[in-house]
Amino acid sequence: MTNRKNLTKTVGGLATAVLLTFSLAACSGDADVKAFCETGEGFEDSMNDVDASDPAAAGEAFDKLVTELKAAKAPEAIAADWTTLTEGFENMGETLTALSELDPTADDYMEKATELSDSLQSTDFQTAADNVEKWTTENCAA
């Protein structure tokens, strides 16, 4: 149970940190930028009610988040990064759902958990998160 709880907290914390870039209320610039920034305001809310002790619920929360991420039309400057983040969050949801069906003390549980952790720490995912955060900081005003 401890492994499961720690993994879910870590994943939820990462998701929240990445999505905090959208907690900015107003946006400057053209209508597409404004619409994108305003769409992002609700992403953090998608993760607020995640029960860290329930990977199945966390998986469902990530599924909902991915649906919202896919619906958002990212500006061209960060479209590739947005796709990388969306795919990463989709992988998180799928993995958390799979983990919910496994014994947390089993080797296959730890293997899947390690794969998930590695994917979240990958250069591609981290670079995409950094690029989206930088772009939203520069283009969405508080």
Foldseek 3Di string as FASTA:
>chain_A
DVLQLVLLVVVLVVQLVLLVLLCFCAWDDDPLLRQLSNLSNCLNVLSPPDDSNALLSSLVSLVVSLVSLVPRDDPPQLVVLSVLQSVLSNLSSVLSNVLNPDDCVDPVNVVSSVVNVCSCVDPSNVVSSVSVSVVSVVTGHD
